[in-house]
């Protein structure tokens, strides 16, 4: 079957045909067996077919999938990136466990913020009280304080 100019143009832009419906547009490499179960083989699916493969209406982008996967990991208290202040990594290397001492500091940070202190003022207060950061450093940054508050509220 001859391809029309629009199909040839899309193909030359790097798009491939959807394995399911054949449309030539942006595709997602869908794992036949989920990657979390060791799957390596993928098929190209357009965003609409990829959504359908996951039981959804509408399209599913990699961004949507990643955000949902990270939200599920956080809900199970599993590590996502760095170990957050207020937690330690369990012996299994995956699960987060509460660090009671750091959680007391988190509560103090919240209280200082609620009393009207700026992020910088809170960082100075923690530094002046000789409370170490997650990495054992003696000096706090306002960005560290801001990050802790963003994660805990």
Protein backbone atom coordinates (compact mmCIF):
# COMPACT_ATOMS: atom_id res chain seq x y z
CA UNK A 1 0.00 0.00 0.00
CA UNK A 2 1.58 3.36 -0.98
CA UNK A 3 2.21 5.82 1.83
CA UNK A 4 0.89 9.36 1.56
CA UNK A 5 3.05 12.48 2.03
CA UNK A 6 1.86 13.03 5.63
CA UNK A 7 2.83 9.47 6.61
CA UNK A 8 6.25 9.81 4.99
CA UNK A 9 6.78 13.17 6.71
CA UNK A 10 5.85 11.72 10.14
CA UNK A 11 8.12 8.72 9.59
CA UNK A 12 11.04 10.96 8.63
CA UNK A 13 10.46 12.95 11.84
CA UNK A 14 11.23 9.80 13.85
CA UNK A 15 7.70 8.57 14.44
CA UNK A 16 6.88 4.89 14.03
CA UNK A 17 3.62 3.06 13.42
CA UNK A 18 1.60 1.97 16.43
CA UNK A 19 1.73 -1.82 16.79
CA UNK A 20 -2.00 -1.93 17.60
CA UNK A 21 -3.75 0.57 15.32
CA UNK A 22 -1.04 1.39 12.77
CA UNK A 23 -1.23 5.18 13.13
CA UNK A 24 2.11 6.94 12.58
CA UNK A 25 2.62 9.41 15.43
CA UNK A 26 4.41 9.74 18.76
CA UNK A 27 4.59 6.32 20.37
CA UNK A 28 5.53 4.83 23.72
CA UNK A 29 7.57 1.62 24.03
CA UNK A 30 5.10 -0.58 25.93
CA UNK A 31 6.57 -3.55 27.77
CA UNK A 32 4.83 -6.79 26.80
CA UNK A 33 5.82 -8.22 30.19
CA UNK A 34 6.07 -5.41 32.79
CA UNK A 35 9.62 -4.19 33.37
CA UNK A 36 9.04 -4.68 37.13
CA UNK A 37 8.67 -8.40 36.37
CA UNK A 38 11.78 -8.59 34.25
CA UNK A 39 10.21 -7.86 30.86
CA UNK A 40 12.59 -6.57 28.22
CA UNK A 41 10.62 -6.71 24.93
CA UNK A 42 8.54 -3.73 23.92
CA UNK A 43 6.11 -2.79 21.17
CA UNK A 44 5.44 0.76 19.97
CA UNK A 45 1.96 1.98 20.93
CA UNK A 46 0.42 5.36 20.23
CA UNK A 47 -0.61 7.22 23.37
CA UNK A 48 -4.29 6.26 22.99
CA UNK A 49 -3.52 2.54 22.52
CA UNK A 50 -1.02 2.68 25.37
CA UNK A 51 -3.74 4.07 27.63
CA UNK A 52 -6.08 1.29 26.52
CA UNK A 53 -3.40 -1.34 27.23
CA UNK A 54 -3.41 -0.07 30.83
CA UNK A 55 -7.21 -0.06 31.04
CA UNK A 56 -7.54 3.70 30.69
CA UNK A 57 -9.44 6.03 28.46
CA UNK A 58 -7.35 8.70 26.77
CA UNK A 59 -3.62 8.77 26.25
CA UNK A 60 -0.90 7.75 28.68
CA UNK A 61 2.47 9.40 28.54
CA UNK A 62 5.70 8.28 30.18
CA UNK A 63 5.32 11.26 32.52
CA UNK A 64 1.92 10.02 33.76
CA UNK A 65 3.24 6.49 34.29
CA UNK A 66 6.33 7.70 36.14
CA UNK A 67 4.36 9.98 38.46
CA UNK A 68 1.92 7.19 39.31
CA UNK A 69 4.70 4.67 39.93
CA UNK A 70 6.53 7.06 42.25
CA UNK A 71 3.31 7.87 44.12
CA UNK A 72 2.73 4.15 44.70
CA UNK A 73 6.30 3.71 45.96
CA UNK A 74 5.89 6.66 48.35
CA UNK A 75 2.60 5.22 49.63
CA UNK A 76 4.41 1.94 50.39
CA UNK A 77 7.21 3.97 52.05
CA UNK A 78 9.76 2.77 49.55
CA UNK A 79 12.85 4.69 48.52
CA UNK A 80 12.39 7.16 45.65
CA UNK A 81 15.67 8.93 45.04
CA UNK A 82 17.44 10.10 48.21
CA UNK A 83 16.43 9.09 51.74
CA UNK A 84 14.30 12.00 53.02
CA UNK A 85 14.99 13.77 56.29
CA UNK A 86 13.00 12.02 59.03
CA UNK A 87 13.63 8.54 57.64
CA UNK A 88 16.40 5.96 57.34
CA UNK A 89 16.76 3.12 54.88
CA UNK A 90 15.86 -0.32 56.27
CA UNK A 91 18.21 -3.28 55.92
CA UNK A 92 16.33 -4.45 52.79
CA UNK A 93 17.62 -1.36 50.95
CA UNK A 94 14.09 -0.43 49.76
CA UNK A 95 11.84 0.38 52.72
CA UNK A 96 11.98 3.64 54.64
CA UNK A 97 11.75 3.56 58.44
CA UNK A 98 11.09 6.54 60.69
CA UNK A 99 14.03 8.26 62.36
CA UNK A 100 12.45 9.56 65.58
CA UNK A 101 15.16 12.13 66.26
CA UNK A 102 14.92 13.63 62.78
CA UNK A 103 11.11 13.61 62.95
CA UNK A 104 11.33 15.77 66.10
CA UNK A 105 13.44 18.22 64.09
CA UNK A 106 10.83 18.16 61.28
CA UNK A 107 8.14 19.08 63.83
CA UNK A 108 10.35 21.94 65.10
CA UNK A 109 10.83 23.16 61.50
CA UNK A 110 7.05 23.12 60.96
CA UNK A 111 6.48 24.99 64.22
CA UNK A 112 9.07 27.65 63.36
CA UNK A 113 7.51 28.12 59.92
CA UNK A 114 4.00 28.39 61.40
CA UNK A 115 5.30 31.08 63.77
CA UNK A 116 6.23 33.16 60.72
CA UNK A 117 9.96 32.43 60.37
CA UNK A 118 11.46 32.44 56.88
CA UNK A 119 13.27 29.44 55.42
CA UNK A 120 16.58 31.24 55.93
CA UNK A 121 15.77 32.08 59.56
CA UNK A 122 14.86 28.43 60.22
CA UNK A 123 18.11 27.28 58.60
CA UNK A 124 20.07 29.69 60.82
CA UNK A 125 18.20 28.44 63.89
CA UNK A 126 19.01 24.79 63.11
CA UNK A 127 22.66 25.67 62.46
CA UNK A 128 22.87 27.69 65.70
CA UNK A 129 21.40 24.76 67.66
CA UNK A 130 24.12 22.48 66.17
CA UNK A 131 21.54 20.13 64.65
CA UNK A 132 23.25 18.21 61.82
CA UNK A 133 21.72 17.86 58.38
CA UNK A 134 20.80 14.47 56.93
CA UNK A 135 24.36 14.17 55.64
CA UNK A 136 25.92 15.20 58.96
CA UNK A 137 26.86 18.71 57.90
CA UNK A 138 26.72 21.42 60.58
CA UNK A 139 25.26 24.16 58.37
CA UNK A 140 21.70 24.15 57.02
CA UNK A 141 20.55 25.78 53.79
CA UNK A 142 17.19 27.42 53.25
CA UNK A 143 16.61 25.04 50.31
CA UNK A 144 16.96 22.01 52.62
CA UNK A 145 14.40 23.53 54.99
CA UNK A 146 12.07 24.34 52.10
CA UNK A 147 12.40 20.78 50.72
CA UNK A 148 11.57 19.22 54.10
CA UNK A 149 8.47 21.41 54.46
CA UNK A 150 7.38 20.66 50.88
CA UNK A 151 7.61 16.91 51.48
CA UNK A 152 5.84 16.94 54.83
CA UNK A 153 2.88 19.22 54.16
